[in-house]
Structures are given as structure tokens and as C-alpha cells.
Amino acid sequence: MKTIYTVNYTNNVESHSISPEFTLETEARAFFEKEKEKLAANTPADTTGWQDHDQAWSQVYQLELTKMTTDDDGEVENMEVLAETDYYYE
């Protein structure tokens, strides 16, 4: 088993990693905080009341710090979101 940490860009439609895979949570958190500062320069989005199928999701995004546990074959066994930002317009 292996534990890795990543920072992901997500918008309810898609999600992808914007960081290397970290083995130390402290390094991943430092990367997350740096990206969070950059994100704060954008306009916040109030997603209250939005439904999963709303088209507006494709115009906003947030960052997630995730912890993943993988098996020996690299398959994800567990994923946990440790921190996330509010949504912002792109």
C-alpha cells in the first residue's frame, strides 16, 4: 500500500491533478496553499441552489487537497478530500 497526496482542479464536471504526487502531506499542503492564494484573485462564485446538471458548473472551479491510498498495483483503494476551496469563476 502507498499513500499519496495531490492537489486537484475540479468543477463538478471534471477533475484533474495540477500537482505532482506528494508522499508528504506537509509538501502537498504547502503547494495547495500557494495555489489557493492564486485562486483568490478570481471572482468567487455563489453556487447555492445549483443542481448537478446546471451548465454554470463548467464556468467555475475549486481546488481540492486529496489523500489517496493505493494497492500494490497502483489501484486507488481510498480517496479522502482533506481541504477544499470555495468555487471561483475561471
C-alpha atoms as a PDB file:
ATOM      1  CA  MET A   1       0.000   0.000   0.000  1.00  0.00           C
ATOM      2  CA  LYS A   2       1.093   3.525  -0.743  1.00  0.00           C
ATOM      3  CA  THR A   3      -0.281   6.902   0.376  1.00  0.00           C
ATOM      4  CA  ILE A   4      -0.048   9.882  -1.947  1.00  0.00           C
ATOM      5  CA  TYR A   5      -1.335  13.442  -1.818  1.00  0.00           C
ATOM      6  CA  THR A   6      -2.410  15.550  -4.800  1.00  0.00           C
ATOM      7  CA  VAL A   7      -3.946  18.954  -5.484  1.00  0.00           C
ATOM      8  CA  ASN A   8      -6.820  18.784  -7.953  1.00  0.00           C
ATOM      9  CA  TYR A   9      -8.710  21.287 -10.057  1.00  0.00           C
ATOM     10  CA  THR A  10     -12.388  20.333 -10.053  1.00  0.00           C
ATOM     11  CA  ASN A  11     -15.693  21.831 -11.161  1.00  0.00           C
ATOM     12  CA  ASN A  12     -18.364  19.125 -10.656  1.00  0.00           C
ATOM     13  CA  VAL A  13     -17.964  18.172 -14.328  1.00  0.00           C
ATOM     14  CA  GLU A  14     -14.342  17.055 -14.361  1.00  0.00           C
ATOM     15  CA  SER A  15     -11.353  16.826 -12.071  1.00  0.00           C
ATOM     16  CA  HIS A  16      -7.649  16.601 -12.776  1.00  0.00           C
ATOM     17  CA  SER A  17      -4.447  16.872 -10.800  1.00  0.00           C
ATOM     18  CA  ILE A  18      -2.407  20.072 -11.094  1.00  0.00           C
ATOM     19  CA  SER A  19       0.413  18.864  -8.859  1.00  0.00           C
ATOM     20  CA  PRO A  20       2.960  16.108  -8.737  1.00  0.00           C
ATOM     21  CA  GLU A  21       2.178  13.210  -6.421  1.00  0.00           C
ATOM     22  CA  PHE A  22       3.460  14.075  -2.961  1.00  0.00           C
ATOM     23  CA  THR A  23       4.370  11.477  -0.359  1.00  0.00           C
ATOM     24  CA  LEU A  24       4.429  14.030   2.460  1.00  0.00           C
ATOM     25  CA  GLU A  25       1.239  15.800   3.463  1.00  0.00           C
ATOM     26  CA  THR A  26       3.164  18.916   4.510  1.00  0.00           C
ATOM     27  CA  GLU A  27       4.566  19.361   0.988  1.00  0.00           C
ATOM     28  CA  ALA A  28       1.140  18.856  -0.564  1.00  0.00           C
ATOM     29  CA  ARG A  29      -0.429  21.364   1.844  1.00  0.00           C
ATOM     30  CA  ALA A  30       2.242  23.949   1.009  1.00  0.00           C
ATOM     31  CA  PHE A  31       1.504  23.519  -2.712  1.00  0.00           C
ATOM     32  CA  PHE A  32      -2.266  23.724  -2.017  1.00  0.00           C
ATOM     33  CA  GLU A  33      -1.851  26.970  -0.034  1.00  0.00           C
ATOM     34  CA  LYS A  34       0.245  28.554  -2.791  1.00  0.00           C
ATOM     35  CA  GLU A  35      -2.343  27.654  -5.446  1.00  0.00           C
ATOM     36  CA  LYS A  36      -5.149  28.823  -3.136  1.00  0.00           C
ATOM     37  CA  GLU A  37      -3.554  32.284  -2.966  1.00  0.00           C
ATOM     38  CA  LYS A  38      -3.509  32.471  -6.767  1.00  0.00           C
ATOM     39  CA  LEU A  39      -7.133  31.342  -6.950  1.00  0.00           C
ATOM     40  CA  ALA A  40      -8.281  34.039  -4.525  1.00  0.00           C
ATOM     41  CA  ALA A  41      -7.509  36.681  -7.183  1.00  0.00           C
ATOM     42  CA  ASN A  42     -10.522  35.413  -9.170  1.00  0.00           C
ATOM     43  CA  THR A  43     -14.201  36.242  -8.611  1.00  0.00           C
ATOM     44  CA  PRO A  44     -15.916  33.998  -6.029  1.00  0.00           C
ATOM     45  CA  ALA A  45     -18.955  32.050  -7.253  1.00  0.00           C
ATOM     46  CA  ASP A  46     -22.072  31.576  -5.160  1.00  0.00           C
ATOM     47  CA  THR A  47     -23.182  28.041  -6.064  1.00  0.00           C
ATOM     48  CA  THR A  48     -26.040  27.957  -3.551  1.00  0.00           C
ATOM     49  CA  GLY A  49     -29.018  26.235  -5.134  1.00  0.00           C
ATOM     50  CA  TRP A  50     -27.148  24.949  -8.165  1.00  0.00           C
ATOM     51  CA  GLN A  51     -28.158  21.474  -9.319  1.00  0.00           C
ATOM     52  CA  ASP A  52     -25.703  18.811 -10.523  1.00  0.00           C
ATOM     53  CA  HIS A  53     -26.791  19.287 -14.147  1.00  0.00           C
ATOM     54  CA  ASP A  54     -26.560  23.115 -14.242  1.00  0.00           C
ATOM     55  CA  GLN A  55     -24.468  24.392 -17.149  1.00  0.00           C
ATOM     56  CA  ALA A  56     -22.823  27.007 -14.934  1.00  0.00           C
ATOM     57  CA  TRP A  57     -20.585  24.343 -13.316  1.00  0.00           C
ATOM     58  CA  SER A  58     -18.363  24.397 -16.388  1.00  0.00           C
ATOM     59  CA  GLN A  59     -17.549  28.072 -15.663  1.00  0.00           C
ATOM     60  CA  VAL A  60     -16.362  27.679 -12.058  1.00  0.00           C
ATOM     61  CA  TYR A  61     -13.764  25.620 -10.266  1.00  0.00           C
ATOM     62  CA  GLN A  62     -12.214  24.877  -6.916  1.00  0.00           C
ATOM     63  CA  LEU A  63      -9.072  23.245  -5.592  1.00  0.00           C
ATOM     64  CA  GLU A  64      -9.023  20.060  -3.528  1.00  0.00           C
ATOM     65  CA  LEU A  65      -6.208  18.586  -1.489  1.00  0.00           C
ATOM     66  CA  THR A  66      -6.675  14.824  -1.592  1.00  0.00           C
ATOM     67  CA  LYS A  67      -5.145  11.847   0.155  1.00  0.00           C
ATOM     68  CA  MET A  68      -5.201   8.575  -1.771  1.00  0.00           C
ATOM     69  CA  THR A  69      -4.269   5.102  -0.686  1.00  0.00           C
ATOM     70  CA  THR A  70      -3.326   2.723  -3.483  1.00  0.00           C
ATOM     71  CA  ASP A  71      -2.714  -1.005  -3.553  1.00  0.00           C
ATOM     72  CA  ASP A  72       0.470  -2.629  -4.845  1.00  0.00           C
ATOM     73  CA  ASP A  73      -0.869  -2.454  -8.420  1.00  0.00           C
ATOM     74  CA  GLY A  74      -1.499   1.291  -8.182  1.00  0.00           C
ATOM     75  CA  GLU A  75      -5.281   0.973  -7.971  1.00  0.00           C
ATOM     76  CA  VAL A  76      -6.930   3.540  -5.693  1.00  0.00           C
ATOM     77  CA  GLU A  77      -8.423   1.873  -2.631  1.00  0.00           C
ATOM     78  CA  ASN A  78      -9.456   5.001  -0.763  1.00  0.00           C
ATOM     79  CA  MET A  79      -9.585   8.726  -1.501  1.00  0.00           C
ATOM     80  CA  GLU A  80     -10.274  11.464   1.022  1.00  0.00           C
ATOM     81  CA  VAL A  81     -10.584  15.219   0.476  1.00  0.00           C
ATOM     82  CA  LEU A  82      -8.514  16.886   3.207  1.00  0.00           C
ATOM     83  CA  ALA A  83      -9.189  20.502   2.218  1.00  0.00           C
ATOM     84  CA  GLU A  84     -11.011  22.412  -0.477  1.00  0.00           C
ATOM     85  CA  THR A  85     -11.538  25.995  -1.525  1.00  0.00           C
ATOM     86  CA  ASP A  86     -14.760  27.766  -2.374  1.00  0.00           C
ATOM     87  CA  TYR A  87     -15.720  27.894  -6.049  1.00  0.00           C
ATOM     88  CA  TYR A  88     -14.372  30.682  -8.257  1.00  0.00           C
ATOM     89  CA  TYR A  89     -15.069  31.769 -11.812  1.00  0.00           C
ATOM     90  CA  GLU A  90     -12.387  30.945 -14.331  1.00  0.00           C
END
